[in-house]
């Protein structure tokens, strides 16, 4: 990957537990867009 191909996010969340879920909701409710990316190793969660 070259430097020109890199994309810089405003925020990166590692894991999608309760705190990052709350953060994602808070970011969605902001009046301005935030470029966020959340990374989770599990593809889905079982009940």
C-alpha atoms as a PDB file:
ATOM      1  CA  UNK A   1       0.000   0.000   0.000  1.00  0.00           C
ATOM      2  CA  UNK A   2       1.412   3.361  -0.924  1.00  0.00           C
ATOM      3  CA  UNK A   3       1.010   6.473   1.190  1.00  0.00           C
ATOM      4  CA  UNK A   4      -1.487   7.897  -1.296  1.00  0.00           C
ATOM      5  CA  UNK A   5      -3.688   4.784  -0.862  1.00  0.00           C
ATOM      6  CA  UNK A   6      -3.863   5.116   2.931  1.00  0.00           C
ATOM      7  CA  UNK A   7      -7.070   6.368   4.529  1.00  0.00           C
ATOM      8  CA  UNK A   8      -6.995   8.109   7.891  1.00  0.00           C
ATOM      9  CA  UNK A   9     -10.078   7.755  10.116  1.00  0.00           C
ATOM     10  CA  UNK A  10     -11.098  10.197  12.838  1.00  0.00           C
ATOM     11  CA  UNK A  11     -11.599   7.253  15.208  1.00  0.00           C
ATOM     12  CA  UNK A  12     -10.953   3.500  15.264  1.00  0.00           C
ATOM     13  CA  UNK A  13     -12.705   1.270  17.780  1.00  0.00           C
ATOM     14  CA  UNK A  14     -11.148  -2.111  18.571  1.00  0.00           C
ATOM     15  CA  UNK A  15     -13.742  -4.685  19.598  1.00  0.00           C
ATOM     16  CA  UNK A  16     -17.476  -4.106  19.566  1.00  0.00           C
ATOM     17  CA  UNK A  17     -18.307  -4.499  23.235  1.00  0.00           C
ATOM     18  CA  UNK A  18     -20.667  -2.332  25.301  1.00  0.00           C
ATOM     19  CA  UNK A  19     -18.408   0.738  25.398  1.00  0.00           C
ATOM     20  CA  UNK A  20     -17.771   0.852  21.646  1.00  0.00           C
ATOM     21  CA  UNK A  21     -21.444   0.153  20.974  1.00  0.00           C
ATOM     22  CA  UNK A  22     -22.336   3.184  23.128  1.00  0.00           C
ATOM     23  CA  UNK A  23     -19.660   5.214  21.337  1.00  0.00           C
ATOM     24  CA  UNK A  24     -21.071   4.240  17.932  1.00  0.00           C
ATOM     25  CA  UNK A  25     -24.543   5.371  19.034  1.00  0.00           C
ATOM     26  CA  UNK A  26     -23.188   8.675  20.383  1.00  0.00           C
ATOM     27  CA  UNK A  27     -21.284   9.317  17.148  1.00  0.00           C
ATOM     28  CA  UNK A  28     -24.444   8.634  15.136  1.00  0.00           C
ATOM     29  CA  UNK A  29     -26.309  11.263  17.181  1.00  0.00           C
ATOM     30  CA  UNK A  30     -23.700  14.003  16.568  1.00  0.00           C
ATOM     31  CA  UNK A  31     -24.606  16.957  14.387  1.00  0.00           C
ATOM     32  CA  UNK A  32     -21.433  16.518  12.322  1.00  0.00           C
ATOM     33  CA  UNK A  33     -20.056  13.509  10.465  1.00  0.00           C
ATOM     34  CA  UNK A  34     -17.226  11.515  12.040  1.00  0.00           C
ATOM     35  CA  UNK A  35     -15.240   9.012   9.988  1.00  0.00           C
ATOM     36  CA  UNK A  36     -15.113   6.044  12.360  1.00  0.00           C
ATOM     37  CA  UNK A  37     -14.253   2.401  11.824  1.00  0.00           C
ATOM     38  CA  UNK A  38     -14.903  -0.416  14.296  1.00  0.00           C
ATOM     39  CA  UNK A  39     -12.932  -3.661  14.090  1.00  0.00           C
ATOM     40  CA  UNK A  40     -14.240  -6.911  15.582  1.00  0.00           C
ATOM     41  CA  UNK A  41     -12.679 -10.362  15.229  1.00  0.00           C
ATOM     42  CA  UNK A  42     -16.028 -12.189  15.440  1.00  0.00           C
ATOM     43  CA  UNK A  43     -18.140 -12.144  12.291  1.00  0.00           C
ATOM     44  CA  UNK A  44     -21.366 -12.433  14.290  1.00  0.00           C
ATOM     45  CA  UNK A  45     -22.623 -12.879  17.843  1.00  0.00           C
ATOM     46  CA  UNK A  46     -24.770 -15.747  19.100  1.00  0.00           C
ATOM     47  CA  UNK A  47     -27.546 -15.302  21.654  1.00  0.00           C
END
